Amino acid sequence: MTPDDDPRPLEPEAPLPSDCCNSGCPICVHDLYAEQLQHYREQLAAWKARHPESSL
């Protein structure tokens, strides 16, 4: 499998300060970002295991 067939996962974009309304929403944009970031880290670790030659 080549990196072209298995692209490196993309890090999620962090929310802007203005994206949060600071009203105590049950699911805040920061909570969603934290979940996306955790998923990204898991996917990146798996990708690195599949592509040990990659130094990035």
N, C-alpha and C. Protein backbone atom coordinates (compact mmCIF):
# COMPACT_ATOMS: atom_id res chain seq x y z
N MET A 1 0.85 -1.18 0.00
CA MET A 1 0.00 0.00 0.00
C MET A 1 0.89 1.24 0.00
N THR A 2 0.59 2.15 -0.87
CA THR A 2 1.37 3.37 -0.96
C THR A 2 0.63 4.53 -0.29
N PRO A 3 1.35 5.58 0.08
CA PRO A 3 0.67 6.75 0.66
C PRO A 3 -0.40 7.34 -0.25
N ASP A 4 -0.25 7.15 -1.57
CA ASP A 4 -1.27 7.65 -2.49
C ASP A 4 -2.58 6.89 -2.32
N ASP A 5 -2.47 5.58 -2.03
CA ASP A 5 -3.65 4.75 -1.81
C ASP A 5 -4.20 4.90 -0.39
N ASP A 6 -3.36 5.35 0.51
CA ASP A 6 -3.71 5.45 1.92
C ASP A 6 -3.17 6.78 2.45
N PRO A 7 -3.88 7.88 2.14
CA PRO A 7 -3.35 9.19 2.53
C PRO A 7 -3.31 9.38 4.04
N ARG A 8 -2.36 10.18 4.46
CA ARG A 8 -2.22 10.52 5.88
C ARG A 8 -3.49 11.24 6.35
N PRO A 9 -4.01 10.89 7.51
CA PRO A 9 -5.21 11.58 8.01
C PRO A 9 -4.93 13.07 8.22
N LEU A 10 -5.96 13.86 8.06
CA LEU A 10 -5.84 15.30 8.23
C LEU A 10 -6.32 15.69 9.62
N GLU A 11 -5.53 16.54 10.27
CA GLU A 11 -5.88 17.01 11.60
C GLU A 11 -7.12 17.91 11.52
N PRO A 12 -8.06 17.73 12.45
CA PRO A 12 -9.24 18.59 12.41
C PRO A 12 -8.87 20.05 12.72
N GLU A 13 -9.67 20.93 12.20
CA GLU A 13 -9.44 22.35 12.41
C GLU A 13 -10.02 22.76 13.76
N ALA A 14 -9.23 23.43 14.56
CA ALA A 14 -9.68 23.88 15.88
C ALA A 14 -10.75 24.96 15.72
N PRO A 15 -11.72 24.97 16.62
CA PRO A 15 -12.74 26.01 16.53
C PRO A 15 -12.14 27.38 16.86
N LEU A 16 -12.70 28.37 16.26
CA LEU A 16 -12.29 29.74 16.54
C LEU A 16 -12.92 30.18 17.86
N PRO A 17 -12.32 31.15 18.54
CA PRO A 17 -12.93 31.63 19.79
C PRO A 17 -14.37 32.08 19.59
N SER A 18 -14.68 32.61 18.44
CA SER A 18 -16.03 33.08 18.17
C SER A 18 -17.01 31.95 17.86
N ASP A 19 -16.51 30.72 17.70
CA ASP A 19 -17.38 29.58 17.41
C ASP A 19 -18.15 29.12 18.65
N CYS A 20 -17.67 29.45 19.83
CA CYS A 20 -18.32 29.05 21.08
C CYS A 20 -19.17 30.22 21.58
N CYS A 21 -20.41 29.90 21.94
CA CYS A 21 -21.31 30.97 22.40
C CYS A 21 -21.24 31.18 23.92
N ASN A 22 -20.47 30.33 24.62
CA ASN A 22 -20.29 30.45 26.07
C ASN A 22 -21.60 30.41 26.87
N SER A 23 -22.57 29.66 26.35
CA SER A 23 -23.84 29.57 27.07
C SER A 23 -24.04 28.19 27.71
N GLY A 24 -23.00 27.39 27.76
CA GLY A 24 -23.10 26.09 28.42
C GLY A 24 -23.87 25.05 27.63
N CYS A 25 -23.74 25.05 26.34
CA CYS A 25 -24.42 24.06 25.50
C CYS A 25 -24.06 22.65 25.95
N PRO A 26 -25.01 21.71 25.86
CA PRO A 26 -24.71 20.33 26.25
C PRO A 26 -23.56 19.73 25.44
N ILE A 27 -23.48 20.09 24.17
CA ILE A 27 -22.38 19.65 23.31
C ILE A 27 -21.78 20.91 22.69
N CYS A 28 -20.68 21.31 23.26
CA CYS A 28 -19.99 22.52 22.81
C CYS A 28 -19.09 22.20 21.61
N VAL A 29 -18.79 23.21 20.81
CA VAL A 29 -17.87 23.00 19.69
C VAL A 29 -16.51 22.52 20.18
N HIS A 30 -16.14 22.90 21.39
CA HIS A 30 -14.86 22.45 21.94
C HIS A 30 -14.91 20.96 22.30
N ASP A 31 -16.07 20.47 22.74
CA ASP A 31 -16.25 19.05 23.01
C ASP A 31 -16.15 18.25 21.71
N LEU A 32 -16.82 18.75 20.68
CA LEU A 32 -16.77 18.08 19.38
C LEU A 32 -15.35 18.05 18.83
N TYR A 33 -14.65 19.15 18.99
CA TYR A 33 -13.27 19.21 18.52
C TYR A 33 -12.40 18.21 19.27
N ALA A 34 -12.59 18.10 20.57
CA ALA A 34 -11.81 17.15 21.37
C ALA A 34 -12.05 15.72 20.89
N GLU A 35 -13.30 15.40 20.57
CA GLU A 35 -13.61 14.06 20.04
C GLU A 35 -12.96 13.85 18.68
N GLN A 36 -13.05 14.85 17.82
CA GLN A 36 -12.44 14.75 16.49
C GLN A 36 -10.92 14.60 16.60
N LEU A 37 -10.32 15.33 17.53
CA LEU A 37 -8.88 15.28 17.72
C LEU A 37 -8.45 13.90 18.21
N GLN A 38 -9.20 13.32 19.12
CA GLN A 38 -8.89 11.97 19.61
C GLN A 38 -8.99 10.96 18.47
N HIS A 39 -10.04 11.07 17.67
CA HIS A 39 -10.21 10.17 16.53
C HIS A 39 -9.04 10.34 15.55
N TYR A 40 -8.66 11.57 15.28
CA TYR A 40 -7.54 11.85 14.40
C TYR A 40 -6.25 11.21 14.92
N ARG A 41 -6.00 11.35 16.20
CA ARG A 41 -4.78 10.77 16.79
C ARG A 41 -4.76 9.25 16.66
N GLU A 42 -5.92 8.62 16.84
CA GLU A 42 -6.02 7.17 16.67
C GLU A 42 -5.77 6.78 15.22
N GLN A 43 -6.39 7.52 14.30
CA GLN A 43 -6.21 7.25 12.88
C GLN A 43 -4.76 7.49 12.45
N LEU A 44 -4.15 8.54 12.98
CA LEU A 44 -2.76 8.84 12.64
C LEU A 44 -1.82 7.76 13.15
N ALA A 45 -2.05 7.27 14.35
CA ALA A 45 -1.22 6.19 14.90
C ALA A 45 -1.33 4.95 14.02
N ALA A 46 -2.54 4.62 13.60
CA ALA A 46 -2.74 3.45 12.74
C ALA A 46 -2.06 3.68 11.39
N TRP A 47 -2.16 4.89 10.86
CA TRP A 47 -1.53 5.20 9.58
C TRP A 47 -0.01 5.08 9.69
N LYS A 48 0.55 5.60 10.78
CA LYS A 48 2.01 5.52 10.98
C LYS A 48 2.46 4.08 11.11
N ALA A 49 1.63 3.23 11.72
CA ALA A 49 1.97 1.81 11.83
C ALA A 49 1.99 1.16 10.44
N ARG A 50 1.12 1.63 9.56
CA ARG A 50 1.08 1.09 8.19
C ARG A 50 2.18 1.68 7.31
N HIS A 51 2.71 2.82 7.70
CA HIS A 51 3.73 3.53 6.91
C HIS A 51 4.92 3.90 7.78
N PRO A 52 5.64 2.90 8.29
CA PRO A 52 6.77 3.21 9.19
C PRO A 52 7.88 3.99 8.52
N GLU A 53 7.93 3.98 7.19
CA GLU A 53 8.98 4.70 6.48
C GLU A 53 8.73 6.21 6.48
N SER A 54 7.52 6.61 6.83
CA SER A 54 7.19 8.03 6.84
C SER A 54 7.75 8.69 8.10
N SER A 55 8.47 9.76 7.91
CA SER A 55 9.07 10.45 9.06
C SER A 55 8.25 11.65 9.50
N LEU A 56 7.14 11.93 8.81
CA LEU A 56 6.31 13.08 9.14
C LEU A 56 5.38 12.78 10.27
